[in-house]
PDB file of all heavy atoms in Angstrom:
ATOM      1  N   PRO A   1    -303.476   3.340  96.935  1.00  0.00           N
ATOM      2  CA  PRO A   1    -303.079   4.606  96.308  1.00  0.00           C
ATOM      3  C   PRO A   1    -302.109   4.410  95.133  1.00  0.00           C
ATOM      4  O   PRO A   1    -301.137   3.655  95.224  1.00  0.00           O
ATOM      5  CB  PRO A   1    -302.389   5.358  97.451  1.00  0.00           C
ATOM      6  CG  PRO A   1    -301.814   4.278  98.317  1.00  0.00           C
ATOM      7  CD  PRO A   1    -302.760   3.112  98.212  1.00  0.00           C
ATOM      8  N   TYR A   2    -302.373   5.121  94.053  1.00  0.00           N
ATOM      9  CA  TYR A   2    -301.511   5.133  92.878  1.00  0.00           C
ATOM     10  C   TYR A   2    -301.357   6.574  92.399  1.00  0.00           C
ATOM     11  O   TYR A   2    -302.214   7.424  92.667  1.00  0.00           O
ATOM     12  CB  TYR A   2    -302.113   4.310  91.737  1.00  0.00           C
ATOM     13  CG  TYR A   2    -302.186   2.831  91.992  1.00  0.00           C
ATOM     14  CD1 TYR A   2    -303.272   2.277  92.655  1.00  0.00           C
ATOM     15  CD2 TYR A   2    -301.168   1.976  91.562  1.00  0.00           C
ATOM     16  CE1 TYR A   2    -303.353   0.903  92.883  1.00  0.00           C
ATOM     17  CE2 TYR A   2    -301.241   0.601  91.787  1.00  0.00           C
ATOM     18  CZ  TYR A   2    -302.326   0.081  92.449  1.00  0.00           C
ATOM     19  OH  TYR A   2    -302.399  -1.270  92.684  1.00  0.00           O
ATOM     20  N   TYR A   3    -300.263   6.815  91.695  1.00  0.00           N
ATOM     21  CA  TYR A   3    -300.121   8.084  90.977  1.00  0.00           C
ATOM     22  C   TYR A   3    -300.271   7.803  89.491  1.00  0.00           C
ATOM     23  O   TYR A   3    -299.645   6.877  88.950  1.00  0.00           O
ATOM     24  CB  TYR A   3    -298.771   8.737  91.268  1.00  0.00           C
ATOM     25  CG  TYR A   3    -298.790   9.550  92.536  1.00  0.00           C
ATOM     26  CD1 TYR A   3    -298.410   8.985  93.752  1.00  0.00           C
ATOM     27  CD2 TYR A   3    -299.226  10.873  92.534  1.00  0.00           C
ATOM     28  CE1 TYR A   3    -298.451   9.718  94.927  1.00  0.00           C
ATOM     29  CE2 TYR A   3    -299.273  11.616  93.705  1.00  0.00           C
ATOM     30  CZ  TYR A   3    -298.883  11.034  94.889  1.00  0.00           C
ATOM     31  OH  TYR A   3    -298.939  11.762  96.051  1.00  0.00           O
ATOM     32  N   THR A   4    -301.126   8.583  88.846  1.00  0.00           N
ATOM     33  CA  THR A   4    -301.236   8.499  87.395  1.00  0.00           C
ATOM     34  C   THR A   4    -300.415   9.641  86.801  1.00  0.00           C
ATOM     35  O   THR A   4    -300.508  10.785  87.248  1.00  0.00           O
ATOM     36  CB  THR A   4    -302.697   8.615  86.939  1.00  0.00           C
ATOM     37  OG1 THR A   4    -303.266   9.844  87.404  1.00  0.00           O
ATOM     38  CG2 THR A   4    -303.515   7.449  87.485  1.00  0.00           C
ATOM     39  N   VAL A   5    -299.603   9.308  85.818  1.00  0.00           N
ATOM     40  CA  VAL A   5    -298.732  10.288  85.163  1.00  0.00           C
ATOM     41  C   VAL A   5    -298.938  10.145  83.655  1.00  0.00           C
ATOM     42  O   VAL A   5    -298.824   9.029  83.111  1.00  0.00           O
ATOM     43  CB  VAL A   5    -297.248  10.050  85.508  1.00  0.00           C
ATOM     44  CG1 VAL A   5    -296.364  11.092  84.823  1.00  0.00           C
ATOM     45  CG2 VAL A   5    -297.035  10.079  87.020  1.00  0.00           C
ATOM     46  N   THR A   6    -299.265  11.234  82.986  1.00  0.00           N
ATOM     47  CA  THR A   6    -299.475  11.182  81.544  1.00  0.00           C
ATOM     48  C   THR A   6    -298.147  11.307  80.814  1.00  0.00           C
ATOM     49  O   THR A   6    -297.365  12.220  81.093  1.00  0.00           O
ATOM     50  CB  THR A   6    -300.413  12.313  81.092  1.00  0.00           C
ATOM     51  OG1 THR A   6    -301.645  12.219  81.804  1.00  0.00           O
ATOM     52  CG2 THR A   6    -300.702  12.207  79.603  1.00  0.00           C
ATOM     53  N   LYS A   7    -297.900  10.356  79.909  1.00  0.00           N
ATOM     54  CA  LYS A   7    -296.740  10.469  79.029  1.00  0.00           C
ATOM     55  C   LYS A   7    -297.219  11.137  77.744  1.00  0.00           C
ATOM     56  O   LYS A   7    -298.058  10.587  77.023  1.00  0.00           O
ATOM     57  CB  LYS A   7    -296.134   9.100  78.723  1.00  0.00           C
ATOM     58  CG  LYS A   7    -294.767   9.187  78.052  1.00  0.00           C
ATOM     59  CD  LYS A   7    -294.155   7.819  77.784  1.00  0.00           C
ATOM     60  CE  LYS A   7    -294.747   7.214  76.530  1.00  0.00           C
ATOM     61  NZ  LYS A   7    -294.051   5.950  76.132  1.00  0.00           N
ATOM     62  N   ASP A   8    -296.710  12.325  77.489  1.00  0.00           N
ATOM     63  CA  ASP A   8    -297.195  13.141  76.378  1.00  0.00           C
ATOM     64  C   ASP A   8    -296.302  13.027  75.149  1.00  0.00           C
ATOM     65  O   ASP A   8    -295.145  12.598  75.220  1.00  0.00           O
ATOM     66  CB  ASP A   8    -297.265  14.619  76.795  1.00  0.00           C
ATOM     67  CG  ASP A   8    -298.500  14.908  77.653  1.00  0.00           C
ATOM     68  OD1 ASP A   8    -299.215  13.953  77.989  1.00  0.00           O
ATOM     69  OD2 ASP A   8    -298.737  16.079  77.965  1.00  0.00           O
ATOM     70  N   ARG A   9    -296.876  13.452  74.049  1.00  0.00           N
ATOM     71  CA  ARG A   9    -296.106  13.597  72.813  1.00  0.00           C
ATOM     72  C   ARG A   9    -296.329  15.004  72.277  1.00  0.00           C
ATOM     73  O   ARG A   9    -297.366  15.635  72.546  1.00  0.00           O
ATOM     74  CB  ARG A   9    -296.547  12.574  71.779  1.00  0.00           C
ATOM     75  CG  ARG A   9    -298.006  12.671  71.358  1.00  0.00           C
ATOM     76  CD  ARG A   9    -298.364  11.647  70.308  1.00  0.00           C
ATOM     77  NE  ARG A   9    -299.791  11.652  69.991  1.00  0.00           N
ATOM     78  CZ  ARG A   9    -300.357  12.491  69.124  1.00  0.00           C
ATOM     79  NH1 ARG A   9    -299.623  13.400  68.492  1.00  0.00           N
ATOM     80  NH2 ARG A   9    -301.659  12.434  68.893  1.00  0.00           N
ATOM     81  N   LEU A  10    -295.359  15.492  71.508  1.00  0.00           N
ATOM     82  CA  LEU A  10    -295.491  16.812  70.911  1.00  0.00           C
ATOM     83  C   LEU A  10    -296.544  16.804  69.811  1.00  0.00           C
ATOM     84  O   LEU A  10    -296.728  15.805  69.110  1.00  0.00           O
ATOM     85  CB  LEU A  10    -294.142  17.268  70.338  1.00  0.00           C
ATOM     86  CG  LEU A  10    -293.041  17.558  71.360  1.00  0.00           C
ATOM     87  CD1 LEU A  10    -291.712  17.780  70.646  1.00  0.00           C
ATOM     88  CD2 LEU A  10    -293.395  18.773  72.204  1.00  0.00           C
ATOM     89  N   THR A  11    -297.231  17.925  69.650  1.00  0.00           N
ATOM     90  CA  THR A  11    -298.169  18.073  68.546  1.00  0.00           C
ATOM     91  C   THR A  11    -297.402  18.406  67.267  1.00  0.00           C
ATOM     92  O   THR A  11    -296.179  18.591  67.278  1.00  0.00           O
ATOM     93  CB  THR A  11    -299.182  19.185  68.855  1.00  0.00           C
ATOM     94  OG1 THR A  11    -298.466  20.392  69.139  1.00  0.00           O
ATOM     95  CG2 THR A  11    -300.022  18.825  70.057  1.00  0.00           C
ATOM     96  N   LEU A  12    -298.116  18.539  66.164  1.00  0.00           N
ATOM     97  CA  LEU A  12    -297.463  18.783  64.879  1.00  0.00           C
ATOM     98  C   LEU A  12    -296.689  20.090  64.850  1.00  0.00           C
ATOM     99  O   LEU A  12    -295.679  20.216  64.151  1.00  0.00           O
ATOM    100  CB  LEU A  12    -298.517  18.780  63.756  1.00  0.00           C
ATOM    101  CG  LEU A  12    -299.152  17.420  63.461  1.00  0.00           C
ATOM    102  CD1 LEU A  12    -300.234  17.568  62.404  1.00  0.00           C
ATOM    103  CD2 LEU A  12    -298.108  16.410  63.029  1.00  0.00           C
ATOM    104  N   ASN A  13    -297.158  21.064  65.607  1.00  0.00           N
ATOM    105  CA  ASN A  13    -296.446  22.347  65.613  1.00  0.00           C
ATOM    106  C   ASN A  13    -295.294  22.380  66.623  1.00  0.00           C
ATOM    107  O   ASN A  13    -294.676  23.420  66.826  1.00  0.00           O
ATOM    108  CB  ASN A  13    -297.404  23.503  65.898  1.00  0.00           C
ATOM    109  CG  ASN A  13    -298.078  23.392  67.258  1.00  0.00           C
ATOM    110  OD1 ASN A  13    -297.797  22.476  68.032  1.00  0.00           O
ATOM    111  ND2 ASN A  13    -298.963  24.326  67.551  1.00  0.00           N
ATOM    112  N   LYS A  14    -295.023  21.222  67.263  1.00  0.00           N
ATOM    113  CA  LYS A  14    -293.892  21.090  68.196  1.00  0.00           C
ATOM    114  C   LYS A  14    -294.004  22.026  69.399  1.00  0.00           C
ATOM    115  O   LYS A  14    -293.004  22.401  70.000  1.00  0.00           O
ATOM    116  CB  LYS A  14    -292.564  21.337  67.477  1.00  0.00           C
ATOM    117  CG  LYS A  14    -292.344  20.471  66.240  1.00  0.00           C
ATOM    118  CD  LYS A  14    -292.293  18.995  66.590  1.00  0.00           C
ATOM    119  CE  LYS A  14    -291.994  18.151  65.362  1.00  0.00           C
ATOM    120  NZ  LYS A  14    -291.995  16.705  65.655  1.00  0.00           N
ATOM    121  N   MET A  15    -295.201  22.410  69.725  1.00  0.00           N
ATOM    122  CA  MET A  15    -295.382  23.341  70.843  1.00  0.00           C
ATOM    123  C   MET A  15    -296.031  22.618  72.037  1.00  0.00           C
ATOM    124  O   MET A  15    -295.338  21.914  72.749  1.00  0.00           O
ATOM    125  CB  MET A  15    -296.201  24.545  70.374  1.00  0.00           C
ATOM    126  CG  MET A  15    -295.450  25.406  69.343  1.00  0.00           C
ATOM    127  SD  MET A  15    -294.219  26.491  70.088  1.00  0.00           S
ATOM    128  CE  MET A  15    -295.229  27.639  70.956  1.00  0.00           C
ATOM    129  N   PRO A  16    -297.380  22.715  72.222  1.00  0.00           N
ATOM    130  CA  PRO A  16    -297.964  22.004  73.369  1.00  0.00           C
ATOM    131  C   PRO A  16    -297.898  20.499  73.159  1.00  0.00           C
ATOM    132  O   PRO A  16    -297.572  20.013  72.088  1.00  0.00           O
ATOM    133  CB  PRO A  16    -299.424  22.498  73.371  1.00  0.00           C
ATOM    134  CG  PRO A  16    -299.450  23.682  72.489  1.00  0.00           C
ATOM    135  CD  PRO A  16    -298.378  23.481  71.470  1.00  0.00           C
ATOM    136  N   THR A  17    -298.240  19.758  74.190  1.00  0.00           N
ATOM    137  CA  THR A  17    -298.233  18.300  74.115  1.00  0.00           C
ATOM    138  C   THR A  17    -299.627  17.747  74.373  1.00  0.00           C
ATOM    139  O   THR A  17    -300.479  18.421  74.962  1.00  0.00           O
ATOM    140  CB  THR A  17    -297.255  17.704  75.133  1.00  0.00           C
ATOM    141  OG1 THR A  17    -297.676  18.093  76.458  1.00  0.00           O
ATOM    142  CG2 THR A  17    -295.838  18.186  74.883  1.00  0.00           C
ATOM    143  N   VAL A  18    -299.850  16.517  73.937  1.00  0.00           N
ATOM    144  CA  VAL A  18    -301.109  15.813  74.183  1.00  0.00           C
ATOM    145  C   VAL A  18    -300.776  14.407  74.667  1.00  0.00           C
ATOM    146  O   VAL A  18    -299.687  13.891  74.405  1.00  0.00           O
ATOM    147  CB  VAL A  18    -301.977  15.743  72.908  1.00  0.00           C
ATOM    148  CG1 VAL A  18    -302.467  17.119  72.509  1.00  0.00           C
ATOM    149  CG2 VAL A  18    -301.212  15.096  71.766  1.00  0.00           C
ATOM    150  N   PRO A  19    -301.691  13.758  75.398  1.00  0.00           N
ATOM    151  CA  PRO A  19    -301.388  12.427  75.937  1.00  0.00           C
ATOM    152  C   PRO A  19    -301.092  11.387  74.857  1.00  0.00           C
ATOM    153  O   PRO A  19    -301.755  11.342  73.815  1.00  0.00           O
ATOM    154  CB  PRO A  19    -302.667  12.079  76.708  1.00  0.00           C
ATOM    155  CG  PRO A  19    -303.260  13.396  77.080  1.00  0.00           C
ATOM    156  CD  PRO A  19    -302.965  14.289  75.913  1.00  0.00           C
ATOM    157  N   GLN A  20    -300.096  10.553  75.139  1.00  0.00           N
ATOM    158  CA  GLN A  20    -299.765   9.429  74.273  1.00  0.00           C
ATOM    159  C   GLN A  20    -300.068   8.103  74.975  1.00  0.00           C
ATOM    160  O   GLN A  20    -300.538   7.155  74.357  1.00  0.00           O
ATOM    161  CB  GLN A  20    -298.290   9.480  73.879  1.00  0.00           C
ATOM    162  CG  GLN A  20    -297.856   8.371  72.944  1.00  0.00           C
ATOM    163  CD  GLN A  20    -296.388   8.490  72.574  1.00  0.00           C
ATOM    164  OE1 GLN A  20    -295.590   9.013  73.355  1.00  0.00           O
ATOM    165  NE2 GLN A  20    -296.031   8.013  71.393  1.00  0.00           N
ATOM    166  N   SER A  21    -299.805   8.053  76.256  1.00  0.00           N
ATOM    167  CA  SER A  21    -300.113   6.862  77.056  1.00  0.00           C
ATOM    168  C   SER A  21    -300.205   7.303  78.512  1.00  0.00           C
ATOM    169  O   SER A  21    -299.922   8.460  78.846  1.00  0.00           O
ATOM    170  CB  SER A  21    -299.038   5.785  76.887  1.00  0.00           C
ATOM    171  OG  SER A  21    -297.785   6.257  77.347  1.00  0.00           O
ATOM    172  N   LEU A  22    -300.609   6.381  79.376  1.00  0.00           N
ATOM    173  CA  LEU A  22    -300.737   6.697  80.799  1.00  0.00           C
ATOM    174  C   LEU A  22    -299.836   5.785  81.607  1.00  0.00           C
ATOM    175  O   LEU A  22    -299.841   4.557  81.425  1.00  0.00           O
ATOM    176  CB  LEU A  22    -302.185   6.537  81.264  1.00  0.00           C
ATOM    177  CG  LEU A  22    -302.437   6.966  82.717  1.00  0.00           C
ATOM    178  CD1 LEU A  22    -302.400   8.484  82.826  1.00  0.00           C
ATOM    179  CD2 LEU A  22    -303.766   6.435  83.231  1.00  0.00           C
ATOM    180  N   LEU A  23    -299.062   6.385  82.507  1.00  0.00           N
ATOM    181  CA  LEU A  23    -298.236   5.635  83.441  1.00  0.00           C
ATOM    182  C   LEU A  23    -298.962   5.561  84.779  1.00  0.00           C
ATOM    183  O   LEU A  23    -299.432   6.580  85.293  1.00  0.00           O
ATOM    184  CB  LEU A  23    -296.879   6.309  83.631  1.00  0.00           C
ATOM    185  CG  LEU A  23    -296.091   6.631  82.361  1.00  0.00           C
ATOM    186  CD1 LEU A  23    -294.809   7.372  82.718  1.00  0.00           C
ATOM    187  CD2 LEU A  23    -295.794   5.361  81.575  1.00  0.00           C
ATOM    188  N   ILE A  24    -299.071   4.371  85.332  1.00  0.00           N
ATOM    189  CA  ILE A  24    -299.664   4.188  86.657  1.00  0.00           C
ATOM    190  C   ILE A  24    -298.569   3.705  87.590  1.00  0.00           C
ATOM    191  O   ILE A  24    -297.972   2.648  87.377  1.00  0.00           O
ATOM    192  CB  ILE A  24    -300.836   3.199  86.616  1.00  0.00           C
ATOM    193  CG1 ILE A  24    -301.949   3.761  85.733  1.00  0.00           C
ATOM    194  CG2 ILE A  24    -301.348   2.932  88.022  1.00  0.00           C
ATOM    195  CD1 ILE A  24    -303.191   2.896  85.680  1.00  0.00           C
ATOM    196  N   VAL A  25    -298.299   4.520  88.613  1.00  0.00           N
ATOM    197  CA  VAL A  25    -297.204   4.262  89.541  1.00  0.00           C
ATOM    198  C   VAL A  25    -297.780   3.839  90.890  1.00  0.00           C
ATOM    199  O   VAL A  25    -298.572   4.573  91.496  1.00  0.00           O
ATOM    200  CB  VAL A  25    -296.324   5.512  89.726  1.00  0.00           C
ATOM    201  CG1 VAL A  25    -295.120   5.189  90.593  1.00  0.00           C
ATOM    202  CG2 VAL A  25    -295.898   6.083  88.374  1.00  0.00           C
ATOM    203  N   ASP A  26    -297.432   2.678  91.343  1.00  0.00           N
ATOM    204  CA  ASP A  26    -297.845   2.235  92.676  1.00  0.00           C
ATOM    205  C   ASP A  26    -297.125   3.109  93.699  1.00  0.00           C
ATOM    206  O   ASP A  26    -295.887   3.106  93.783  1.00  0.00           O
ATOM    207  CB  ASP A  26    -297.484   0.766  92.872  1.00  0.00           C
ATOM    208  CG  ASP A  26    -298.108   0.179  94.136  1.00  0.00           C
ATOM    209  OD1 ASP A  26    -298.059   0.842  95.185  1.00  0.00           O
ATOM    210  OD2 ASP A  26    -298.623  -0.953  94.070  1.00  0.00           O
ATOM    211  N   ALA A  27    -297.892   3.897  94.464  1.00  0.00           N
ATOM    212  CA  ALA A  27    -297.291   4.849  95.403  1.00  0.00           C
ATOM    213  C   ALA A  27    -296.584   4.145  96.554  1.00  0.00           C
ATOM    214  O   ALA A  27    -295.826   4.779  97.293  1.00  0.00           O
ATOM    215  CB  ALA A  27    -298.372   5.790  95.956  1.00  0.00           C
TER     216      ALA A  27
END
């Protein structure tokens, strides 16, 4: 079992976010 957590970055309008990389955490 692992947890995947998305590390996001802000979009150009500084509002919603989109994925920048993926963190995989050994549960």
